[in-house]
Protein backbone atom coordinates (compact mmCIF):
# COMPACT_ATOMS: atom_id res chain seq x y z
CA MET A 1 -28.91 29.36 -12.51
CA THR A 2 -30.00 25.75 -12.47
CA ASP A 3 -31.72 24.21 -9.47
CA PHE A 4 -29.95 20.86 -9.25
CA GLY A 5 -32.70 19.29 -7.16
CA HIS A 6 -30.74 18.43 -4.02
CA PRO A 7 -32.63 18.24 -0.71
CA ILE A 8 -32.81 21.62 0.98
CA THR A 9 -30.90 21.51 4.25
CA PHE A 10 -30.16 24.00 7.01
CA GLY A 11 -27.44 24.61 9.55
CA LEU A 12 -26.46 26.93 12.37
CA SER A 13 -23.03 28.51 12.78
CA LEU A 14 -21.67 28.17 16.30
CA ASP A 15 -19.21 30.70 17.71
CA PRO A 16 -16.08 28.92 19.04
CA ASP A 17 -15.45 31.75 21.52
CA VAL A 18 -14.17 30.24 24.78
CA ARG A 19 -16.25 32.69 26.81
CA ARG A 20 -19.49 31.59 25.16
CA LEU A 21 -19.25 27.84 25.73
CA ALA A 22 -22.43 27.61 27.83
CA GLU A 23 -24.42 29.46 25.16
CA THR A 24 -22.82 27.39 22.40
CA ARG A 25 -23.89 24.18 24.12
CA ARG A 26 -27.46 25.47 24.50
CA LEU A 27 -27.58 26.46 20.84
CA ALA A 28 -26.26 23.08 19.72
CA GLY A 29 -28.95 21.28 21.68
CA ALA A 30 -31.68 23.61 20.44
CA ALA A 31 -30.59 23.26 16.80
CA ALA A 32 -30.65 19.47 17.08
CA ALA A 33 -34.04 19.52 18.77
CA GLY A 34 -35.35 21.96 16.18
CA GLY A 35 -34.59 19.65 13.27
CA LEU A 36 -31.68 21.47 11.66
CA ASP A 37 -29.23 19.35 9.68
CA TYR A 38 -25.83 20.82 10.54
CA LEU A 39 -23.89 22.57 13.25
CA ALA A 40 -21.07 24.55 11.62
CA VAL A 41 -17.88 25.60 13.40
CA GLN A 42 -15.35 28.03 11.95
CA ASP A 43 -11.66 27.20 12.17
CA HIS A 44 -9.33 30.03 13.17
CA ALA A 45 -6.93 28.23 15.48
CA TYR A 46 -4.62 31.26 15.67
CA GLN A 47 -7.32 33.24 17.51
CA PRO A 48 -6.38 33.02 21.21
CA GLY A 49 -10.01 33.34 22.29
CA HIS A 50 -11.23 30.47 20.12
CA PHE A 51 -11.48 26.81 20.95
CA ASP A 52 -9.82 24.47 18.51
CA ALA A 53 -12.63 23.69 16.09
CA TRP A 54 -12.06 19.94 16.02
CA THR A 55 -11.97 19.68 19.81
CA LEU A 56 -15.18 21.70 20.15
CA ILE A 57 -16.93 19.56 17.54
CA THR A 58 -15.90 16.41 19.40
CA HIS A 59 -17.24 17.82 22.66
CA LEU A 60 -20.57 18.81 21.13
CA ALA A 61 -20.91 15.56 19.19
CA ALA A 62 -20.83 13.70 22.49
CA GLU A 63 -23.80 15.76 23.68
CA THR A 64 -25.98 15.31 20.58
CA GLU A 65 -27.38 12.35 18.72
CA ARG A 66 -28.78 13.24 15.31
CA ILE A 67 -27.36 16.45 13.94
CA SER A 68 -24.24 16.48 11.75
CA PHE A 69 -21.19 18.68 12.16
CA LEU A 70 -19.53 20.80 9.49
CA THR A 71 -16.13 22.46 9.65
CA ASP A 72 -16.82 25.85 8.07
CA VAL A 73 -14.01 25.71 7.01
CA ALA A 74 -11.01 23.66 8.23
CA ASP A 75 -7.68 25.32 7.46
CA LEU A 76 -5.73 22.83 5.35
CA GLN A 77 -2.44 24.62 5.88
CA LEU A 78 -2.62 24.03 9.63
CA ARG A 79 -4.20 20.57 9.39
CA PRO A 80 -2.20 18.21 7.15
CA PRO A 81 -4.62 16.27 4.95
CA THR A 82 -3.66 12.78 6.11
CA MET A 83 -4.07 13.73 9.78
CA LEU A 84 -7.31 15.60 9.14
CA ALA A 85 -8.68 12.60 7.25
CA LYS A 86 -7.69 10.36 10.18
CA ALA A 87 -9.45 12.64 12.67
CA ALA A 88 -12.58 12.97 10.52
CA ALA A 89 -12.82 9.25 9.86
CA SER A 90 -12.36 8.48 13.54
CA LEU A 91 -15.06 10.89 14.65
CA SER A 92 -17.38 9.72 11.88
CA VAL A 93 -17.10 6.17 13.22
CA LEU A 94 -17.71 7.38 16.78
CA THR A 95 -20.75 9.48 15.77
CA GLN A 96 -22.28 7.04 13.28
CA GLY A 97 -21.50 9.22 10.27
CA ARG A 98 -22.31 12.75 11.47
CA ILE A 99 -19.29 14.51 9.95
CA VAL A 100 -18.99 16.74 6.87
CA LEU A 101 -15.65 18.33 6.05
CA GLY A 102 -15.71 21.90 4.89
CA LEU A 103 -12.19 22.77 3.80
CA GLY A 104 -10.25 25.86 2.83
CA GLY A 105 -6.78 26.70 1.65
CA GLY A 106 -6.23 29.15 4.50
CA ALA A 107 -6.98 32.83 4.07
CA PHE A 108 -4.61 34.42 6.58
CA ALA A 109 -1.01 33.67 5.62
CA ASP A 110 0.56 35.72 8.43
CA ALA A 111 -1.52 34.01 11.12
CA ILE A 112 -0.80 30.58 9.65
CA ALA A 113 2.93 31.30 9.58
CA GLY A 114 2.68 32.58 13.14
CA MET A 115 1.55 29.10 14.25
CA GLY A 116 4.38 27.42 12.37
CA GLY A 117 2.51 26.67 9.16
CA GLN A 118 4.11 27.24 5.79
CA ARG A 119 3.37 30.58 4.17
CA ARG A 120 1.62 29.89 0.87
CA GLY A 121 -0.34 32.09 -1.45
CA GLY A 122 -1.66 32.34 -4.97
CA PRO A 123 -1.05 29.37 -7.29
CA GLU A 124 0.97 27.54 -4.64
CA MET A 125 -1.93 27.56 -2.19
CA VAL A 126 -4.35 26.48 -4.92
CA ALA A 127 -2.13 23.55 -5.90
CA TYR A 128 -1.68 22.55 -2.25
CA THR A 129 -5.44 22.59 -1.71
CA GLU A 130 -6.26 20.52 -4.78
CA ASP A 131 -3.60 17.94 -3.93
CA SER A 132 -4.98 17.83 -0.38
CA LEU A 133 -8.47 17.02 -1.64
CA HIS A 134 -7.15 14.05 -3.59
CA VAL A 135 -5.10 12.87 -0.62
CA MET A 136 -8.09 13.08 1.71
CA ARG A 137 -10.42 11.31 -0.67
CA ALA A 138 -8.01 8.38 -0.94
CA ALA A 139 -7.38 8.34 2.81
CA LEU A 140 -11.09 8.40 3.68
CA ALA A 141 -11.61 5.42 1.39
CA GLY A 142 -9.04 3.45 3.38
CA SER A 143 -6.42 3.36 0.64
CA THR A 144 -2.67 3.47 1.05
CA VAL A 145 -1.77 7.03 0.16
CA ARG A 146 1.42 7.95 -1.65
CA LEU A 147 2.11 11.30 -3.24
CA ARG A 148 5.17 13.23 -4.25
CA SER A 149 4.39 16.66 -5.60
CA ASP A 150 5.65 20.19 -5.22
CA GLN A 151 3.41 20.53 -2.15
CA HIS A 152 3.28 17.08 -0.54
CA VAL A 153 5.57 14.19 0.24
CA ILE A 154 3.53 11.24 1.54
CA GLU A 155 5.55 8.05 1.47
CA GLY A 156 2.88 5.49 2.25
CA TYR A 157 0.05 6.23 4.68
CA ALA A 158 -2.08 3.12 5.34
CA ALA A 159 -5.35 4.91 6.00
CA GLY A 160 -8.12 3.94 8.35
CA PRO A 161 -10.57 3.57 9.94
CA VAL A 162 -13.03 3.79 7.07
CA PRO A 163 -16.05 5.93 7.99
CA PRO A 164 -19.49 4.29 7.96
CA ALA A 165 -20.54 6.51 5.03
CA PRO A 166 -18.49 8.67 2.64
CA ILE A 167 -17.52 11.99 4.21
CA PRO A 168 -18.30 14.85 1.82
CA LEU A 169 -15.45 17.24 1.03
CA TRP A 170 -16.92 20.71 0.57
CA LEU A 171 -14.53 23.49 -0.43
CA GLY A 172 -14.76 27.10 0.63
CA SER A 173 -13.74 29.26 -2.32
CA GLN A 174 -14.24 32.70 -3.79
CA LYS A 175 -11.64 33.49 -6.46
CA PRO A 176 -11.55 31.92 -9.93
CA ARG A 177 -8.70 29.45 -9.49
CA MET A 178 -10.09 28.02 -6.26
CA LEU A 179 -13.61 27.96 -7.68
CA ALA A 180 -12.24 25.86 -10.54
CA VAL A 181 -10.71 23.46 -8.00
CA THR A 182 -14.15 23.25 -6.41
CA GLY A 183 -15.63 22.14 -9.71
CA ARG A 184 -12.87 19.67 -10.54
CA SER A 185 -12.19 18.07 -7.20
CA SER A 186 -14.71 18.76 -4.42
CA ASP A 187 -18.15 17.52 -3.44
CA GLY A 188 -19.56 20.95 -2.71
CA TRP A 189 -19.03 24.70 -2.79
CA ILE A 190 -19.17 26.62 0.48
CA SER A 191 -19.72 30.26 -0.39
CA PRO A 192 -18.41 32.92 1.96
CA LEU A 193 -21.00 34.94 3.85
CA ASN A 194 -23.65 36.77 1.87
CA ILE A 195 -22.04 40.07 2.89
CA TYR A 196 -18.83 38.96 1.13
CA VAL A 197 -20.34 37.18 -1.86
CA ALA A 198 -23.58 38.99 -2.62
CA PRO A 199 -26.38 37.14 -4.40
CA ASP A 200 -25.82 39.02 -7.66
CA GLU A 201 -22.20 37.75 -7.70
CA VAL A 202 -23.22 34.11 -7.33
CA PRO A 203 -24.13 33.16 -10.95
CA ALA A 204 -20.68 34.06 -12.29
CA LYS A 205 -19.00 32.02 -9.56
CA GLN A 206 -21.33 29.09 -10.10
CA LYS A 207 -20.50 29.17 -13.82
CA ILE A 208 -16.78 28.82 -13.08
CA ILE A 209 -17.53 25.79 -10.89
CA ASP A 210 -19.84 24.23 -13.48
CA ASP A 211 -17.44 24.78 -16.38
CA ALA A 212 -14.55 23.28 -14.41
CA ALA A 213 -16.69 20.29 -13.45
CA ARG A 214 -17.64 19.61 -17.05
CA GLY A 215 -14.02 20.05 -18.13
CA ALA A 216 -13.06 17.32 -15.66
CA GLY A 217 -15.79 15.02 -16.93
CA ARG A 218 -18.02 15.61 -13.93
CA ASP A 219 -21.72 16.47 -13.72
CA PRO A 220 -22.14 19.89 -12.05
CA ALA A 221 -25.29 18.53 -10.43
CA ASP A 222 -23.10 16.30 -8.26
CA ILE A 223 -21.65 19.35 -6.48
CA ARG A 224 -23.60 20.66 -3.50
CA ARG A 225 -23.92 24.44 -3.02
CA ILE A 226 -23.80 25.92 0.49
CA TYR A 227 -24.46 29.55 1.44
CA ASN A 228 -23.37 31.07 4.75
CA VAL A 229 -26.12 33.57 5.54
CA ILE A 230 -25.57 36.25 8.15
CA GLY A 231 -28.47 38.38 9.26
CA ALA A 232 -31.42 38.78 11.60
CA ILE A 233 -35.04 37.72 11.54
CA GLY A 234 -37.17 40.65 12.66
CA ASP A 235 -36.78 44.38 13.03
CA LEU A 236 -33.09 44.67 13.90
CA ARG A 237 -32.21 47.82 12.04
CA GLY A 238 -28.57 48.26 11.20
CA ALA A 239 -27.76 44.57 11.42
CA PRO A 240 -25.57 43.22 8.60
CA GLY A 241 -26.73 40.83 5.91
CA LEU A 242 -30.28 39.61 5.38
CA VAL A 243 -32.59 41.46 7.77
CA GLY A 244 -36.38 41.31 7.79
CA ASP A 245 -39.42 39.41 8.92
CA VAL A 246 -40.11 35.70 8.51
CA ARG A 247 -41.89 36.25 5.20
CA LEU A 248 -38.83 38.00 3.75
CA TRP A 249 -36.54 35.22 4.91
CA ILE A 250 -38.74 32.52 3.45
CA GLY A 251 -39.05 34.27 0.10
CA THR A 252 -35.36 35.14 -0.11
CA LEU A 253 -34.01 31.70 0.76
CA THR A 254 -36.51 30.07 -1.57
CA GLY A 255 -35.30 32.30 -4.39
CA TRP A 256 -31.67 31.59 -3.59
CA ALA A 257 -32.45 27.88 -3.81
CA VAL A 258 -34.43 27.73 -7.04
CA ASP A 259 -32.79 30.66 -8.86
CA LEU A 260 -29.18 30.62 -7.61
CA GLY A 261 -28.76 26.88 -7.11
CA PHE A 262 -28.05 26.76 -3.36
CA ASP A 263 -29.29 23.70 -1.51
CA THR A 264 -27.93 24.36 2.00
CA PHE A 265 -28.14 27.48 4.15
CA VAL A 266 -26.03 27.97 7.27
CA PHE A 267 -27.53 30.67 9.49
CA TRP A 268 -25.18 33.10 11.26
CA PRO A 269 -27.47 35.09 13.61
CA VAL A 270 -26.08 38.46 14.62
CA ALA A 271 -28.08 38.96 17.83
CA GLU A 272 -30.42 37.16 20.22
CA HIS A 273 -28.98 33.89 19.00
CA LEU A 274 -31.28 31.42 20.74
CA ALA A 275 -34.46 33.34 19.89
CA GLN A 276 -33.31 33.78 16.29
CA LEU A 277 -32.49 30.07 16.02
CA GLU A 278 -35.92 29.08 17.31
CA VAL A 279 -37.70 31.18 14.68
CA PHE A 280 -35.36 29.98 11.93
CA ALA A 281 -35.87 26.31 12.81
CA ALA A 282 -39.61 26.45 13.51
CA GLU A 283 -40.81 28.88 10.83
CA VAL A 284 -38.23 29.64 8.15
CA ALA A 285 -36.64 26.27 7.41
CA PRO A 286 -39.84 24.18 7.07
CA ALA A 287 -41.54 26.83 4.95
CA VAL A 288 -38.57 27.09 2.57
CA ARG A 289 -38.47 23.31 2.19
CA GLU A 290 -42.17 23.25 1.36
CA ARG A 291 -42.03 26.15 -1.09
CA VAL A 292 -39.08 24.65 -2.94
CA ARG A 293 -40.93 21.33 -3.19
CA GLU A 294 -43.96 23.14 -4.63
CA ILE A 295 -41.89 25.07 -7.19
CA ARG A 296 -39.99 21.97 -8.24
CA GLY A 297 -43.28 20.16 -8.69
CA THR A 298 -44.59 22.78 -11.10
CA ARG A 299 -41.47 23.06 -13.27
């Protein structure tokens, strides 16, 4: 894989569990203080024990100053693209540009239908998602949006406000057709967790993205690559994902950056969340940044 040379950035996944709000707030503050780049919030609105992702992000944004927020990923079938663009642009203005939109077509058709969303799957969901990306890009630029397609009827949305900086549209994808949409129409690929898309599966998926980008006249280097990494730093035997000491984490993430092409790692700790975050922010992230800089300088 090609290392596209993007800055190496790091995030923390926050659990939107209603019962863990106090811990979530502590983690958000610690991640910001520790120099991480993103706080990521998953979006499963049909889970009765979860906060609405957008409401939680708004709450946490009011309590932080520097760190950006990433929807990881917003369900486009429950959040119409014009309304989601309006919400994202509004919050970007209010937070001085601290919003990144991770988007997905919606993986759980039954749960989506249970909330009143339309049941889509296969090619229909792929077409809906790609249309939605184009709608959101136009809306975030402040254009008047009109679209009549098999999936959307938008008769003239005068978009605004315009965010202070462009809001990236990163797409969560795993299967070939949606990976191709990622290459053609998104600003970044959000890979599912490393336990769902293992490192040895990444090159083939990256190739689909790159080929689709080139086919659309785009430079694959313009597409960011984000890996959700579940695991534990230390001797937590039996934990899922990447498990090992700080040295293992540094070496592994460095390799995933320079060999697999990832530029952003979102940490999903499986236990002792605050202690794990502190080690990740203080020891792992700065060392990976430095090692990648050194390798890039010798290539």
